[in-house]
Amino acid sequence: MRFNIYGRFQVDVRRENDTWAVYRAVPGKRTPFEEVVIPADVPADELATWLDDIFHEYAGHGDMVEPIPD
């Protein structure tokens, strides 16, 4: 699943070995975003809310974390 973080950058979140792996997504590549650790028990449908909680300091008024369709 890919998410737009307030229009500033994108992250790719994947389930790997029963844990969430987070990658910084840039055109043509993705790199591990090791600073972001999502607990394994966070359900997929709550990832956007969880990412919003982590990255809220990057938000401007009315900005949202939004899923990017595949």
N, C-alpha and C. Protein backbone atom coordinates (compact mmCIF):
# COMPACT_ATOMS: atom_id res chain seq x y z
N MET A 1 0.84 -1.17 0.00
CA MET A 1 0.00 0.00 0.00
C MET A 1 0.88 1.23 0.00
N ARG A 2 0.52 2.17 -0.81
CA ARG A 2 1.29 3.40 -0.90
C ARG A 2 0.45 4.55 -0.34
N PHE A 3 1.14 5.47 0.36
CA PHE A 3 0.46 6.60 0.99
C PHE A 3 1.17 7.90 0.63
N ASN A 4 0.37 8.93 0.36
CA ASN A 4 0.86 10.28 0.15
C ASN A 4 0.85 10.97 1.51
N ILE A 5 2.01 11.40 1.96
CA ILE A 5 2.14 12.03 3.26
C ILE A 5 2.10 13.54 3.07
N TYR A 6 0.88 14.09 3.17
CA TYR A 6 0.64 15.53 3.10
C TYR A 6 1.17 16.20 1.83
N GLY A 7 1.30 15.43 0.76
CA GLY A 7 1.80 16.00 -0.48
C GLY A 7 3.30 16.27 -0.45
N ARG A 8 3.97 15.85 0.60
CA ARG A 8 5.41 16.11 0.75
C ARG A 8 6.26 14.94 0.28
N PHE A 9 5.83 13.72 0.58
CA PHE A 9 6.55 12.53 0.14
C PHE A 9 5.60 11.34 0.20
N GLN A 10 6.07 10.19 -0.29
CA GLN A 10 5.25 8.99 -0.32
C GLN A 10 5.97 7.86 0.41
N VAL A 11 5.18 7.01 1.06
CA VAL A 11 5.72 5.82 1.67
C VAL A 11 4.97 4.61 1.14
N ASP A 12 5.69 3.51 1.06
CA ASP A 12 5.14 2.23 0.64
C ASP A 12 5.18 1.33 1.87
N VAL A 13 4.04 0.78 2.26
CA VAL A 13 3.96 -0.08 3.43
C VAL A 13 3.57 -1.48 2.96
N ARG A 14 4.38 -2.46 3.34
CA ARG A 14 4.14 -3.84 2.91
C ARG A 14 4.20 -4.77 4.12
N ARG A 15 3.43 -5.82 4.04
CA ARG A 15 3.45 -6.85 5.07
C ARG A 15 4.54 -7.85 4.69
N GLU A 16 5.55 -8.00 5.55
CA GLU A 16 6.66 -8.91 5.31
C GLU A 16 6.92 -9.71 6.58
N ASN A 17 6.79 -11.02 6.49
CA ASN A 17 7.05 -11.91 7.64
C ASN A 17 6.28 -11.49 8.88
N ASP A 18 4.99 -11.23 8.70
CA ASP A 18 4.09 -10.87 9.81
C ASP A 18 4.43 -9.54 10.49
N THR A 19 5.19 -8.69 9.80
CA THR A 19 5.46 -7.35 10.31
C THR A 19 5.22 -6.36 9.18
N TRP A 20 5.10 -5.08 9.54
CA TRP A 20 4.98 -4.04 8.52
C TRP A 20 6.36 -3.51 8.18
N ALA A 21 6.68 -3.47 6.90
CA ALA A 21 7.92 -2.87 6.40
C ALA A 21 7.55 -1.56 5.72
N VAL A 22 8.29 -0.51 6.03
CA VAL A 22 8.01 0.82 5.48
C VAL A 22 9.17 1.25 4.60
N TYR A 23 8.84 1.75 3.42
CA TYR A 23 9.84 2.22 2.46
C TYR A 23 9.50 3.64 2.04
N ARG A 24 10.51 4.44 1.83
CA ARG A 24 10.33 5.76 1.24
C ARG A 24 10.27 5.54 -0.27
N ALA A 25 9.20 6.01 -0.89
CA ALA A 25 8.99 5.79 -2.32
C ALA A 25 9.36 7.05 -3.09
N VAL A 26 10.30 6.91 -4.00
CA VAL A 26 10.69 7.99 -4.90
C VAL A 26 10.65 7.43 -6.32
N PRO A 27 10.48 8.27 -7.32
CA PRO A 27 10.39 7.74 -8.69
C PRO A 27 11.57 6.82 -9.03
N GLY A 28 11.23 5.61 -9.42
CA GLY A 28 12.24 4.66 -9.87
C GLY A 28 12.88 3.81 -8.79
N LYS A 29 12.61 4.10 -7.52
CA LYS A 29 13.20 3.26 -6.47
C LYS A 29 12.45 3.45 -5.16
N ARG A 30 12.73 2.56 -4.25
CA ARG A 30 12.23 2.70 -2.88
C ARG A 30 13.33 2.27 -1.94
N THR A 31 13.46 2.97 -0.85
CA THR A 31 14.50 2.67 0.13
C THR A 31 13.85 2.43 1.49
N PRO A 32 14.44 1.55 2.29
CA PRO A 32 13.87 1.29 3.61
C PRO A 32 13.80 2.58 4.43
N PHE A 33 12.67 2.78 5.08
CA PHE A 33 12.45 3.94 5.95
C PHE A 33 12.53 3.40 7.37
N GLU A 34 13.74 3.11 7.80
CA GLU A 34 13.96 2.39 9.05
C GLU A 34 13.56 3.18 10.28
N GLU A 35 13.44 4.50 10.16
CA GLU A 35 13.05 5.33 11.30
C GLU A 35 11.59 5.12 11.66
N VAL A 36 10.81 4.57 10.73
CA VAL A 36 9.38 4.37 10.95
C VAL A 36 9.13 2.89 11.22
N VAL A 37 8.63 2.60 12.41
CA VAL A 37 8.32 1.23 12.78
C VAL A 37 6.83 1.17 13.13
N ILE A 38 6.09 0.38 12.37
CA ILE A 38 4.67 0.22 12.61
C ILE A 38 4.48 -1.10 13.36
N PRO A 39 3.81 -1.06 14.51
CA PRO A 39 3.58 -2.32 15.24
C PRO A 39 2.84 -3.34 14.38
N ALA A 40 3.21 -4.59 14.52
CA ALA A 40 2.64 -5.66 13.71
C ALA A 40 1.13 -5.80 13.89
N ASP A 41 0.60 -5.38 15.03
CA ASP A 41 -0.83 -5.56 15.29
C ASP A 41 -1.71 -4.43 14.75
N VAL A 42 -1.12 -3.43 14.08
CA VAL A 42 -1.92 -2.38 13.47
C VAL A 42 -2.61 -2.96 12.23
N PRO A 43 -3.96 -2.90 12.19
CA PRO A 43 -4.67 -3.44 11.02
C PRO A 43 -4.42 -2.58 9.77
N ALA A 44 -4.47 -3.20 8.62
CA ALA A 44 -4.23 -2.51 7.35
C ALA A 44 -5.16 -1.31 7.16
N ASP A 45 -6.41 -1.43 7.60
CA ASP A 45 -7.35 -0.33 7.40
C ASP A 45 -7.11 0.85 8.34
N GLU A 46 -6.15 0.73 9.26
CA GLU A 46 -5.81 1.83 10.16
C GLU A 46 -4.43 2.42 9.88
N LEU A 47 -3.78 1.97 8.81
CA LEU A 47 -2.44 2.46 8.52
C LEU A 47 -2.40 3.95 8.24
N ALA A 48 -3.35 4.49 7.49
CA ALA A 48 -3.35 5.92 7.19
C ALA A 48 -3.45 6.74 8.47
N THR A 49 -4.31 6.32 9.39
CA THR A 49 -4.45 7.03 10.67
C THR A 49 -3.16 6.93 11.47
N TRP A 50 -2.56 5.77 11.47
CA TRP A 50 -1.32 5.57 12.22
C TRP A 50 -0.20 6.44 11.64
N LEU A 51 -0.09 6.47 10.30
CA LEU A 51 0.92 7.31 9.66
C LEU A 51 0.67 8.79 9.93
N ASP A 52 -0.60 9.19 9.97
CA ASP A 52 -0.93 10.57 10.31
C ASP A 52 -0.45 10.91 11.71
N ASP A 53 -0.60 10.00 12.64
CA ASP A 53 -0.12 10.22 14.00
C ASP A 53 1.40 10.38 14.05
N ILE A 54 2.11 9.61 13.25
CA ILE A 54 3.57 9.68 13.24
C ILE A 54 4.09 10.97 12.59
N PHE A 55 3.50 11.32 11.46
CA PHE A 55 4.03 12.42 10.65
C PHE A 55 3.30 13.73 10.83
N HIS A 56 2.47 13.88 11.85
CA HIS A 56 1.64 15.08 11.98
C HIS A 56 2.44 16.38 11.99
N GLU A 57 3.71 16.34 12.37
CA GLU A 57 4.50 17.57 12.40
C GLU A 57 4.78 18.11 11.00
N TYR A 58 4.59 17.30 9.97
CA TYR A 58 4.76 17.75 8.58
C TYR A 58 3.49 18.34 7.99
N ALA A 59 2.39 18.21 8.70
CA ALA A 59 1.09 18.61 8.15
C ALA A 59 0.88 20.12 8.23
N GLY A 60 0.24 20.64 7.19
CA GLY A 60 -0.26 22.00 7.21
C GLY A 60 -1.75 21.94 7.48
N HIS A 61 -2.37 23.07 7.60
CA HIS A 61 -3.81 23.12 7.87
C HIS A 61 -4.58 22.38 6.76
N GLY A 62 -5.36 21.40 7.15
CA GLY A 62 -6.19 20.65 6.20
C GLY A 62 -5.47 19.54 5.46
N ASP A 63 -4.17 19.35 5.68
CA ASP A 63 -3.44 18.27 5.02
C ASP A 63 -3.83 16.93 5.60
N MET A 64 -3.78 15.90 4.75
CA MET A 64 -4.14 14.55 5.17
C MET A 64 -3.16 13.53 4.61
N VAL A 65 -3.06 12.41 5.29
CA VAL A 65 -2.36 11.25 4.75
C VAL A 65 -3.39 10.51 3.91
N GLU A 66 -3.07 10.28 2.65
CA GLU A 66 -4.03 9.66 1.75
C GLU A 66 -3.45 8.42 1.08
N PRO A 67 -4.25 7.35 1.01
CA PRO A 67 -3.80 6.18 0.26
C PRO A 67 -3.74 6.50 -1.23
N ILE A 68 -2.76 5.92 -1.90
CA ILE A 68 -2.62 6.08 -3.35
C ILE A 68 -3.08 4.77 -4.00
N PRO A 69 -4.09 4.85 -4.85
CA PRO A 69 -4.57 3.61 -5.49
C PRO A 69 -3.47 2.95 -6.33
N ASP A 70 -3.50 1.62 -6.38
CA ASP A 70 -2.53 0.86 -7.18
C ASP A 70 -2.70 1.11 -8.65
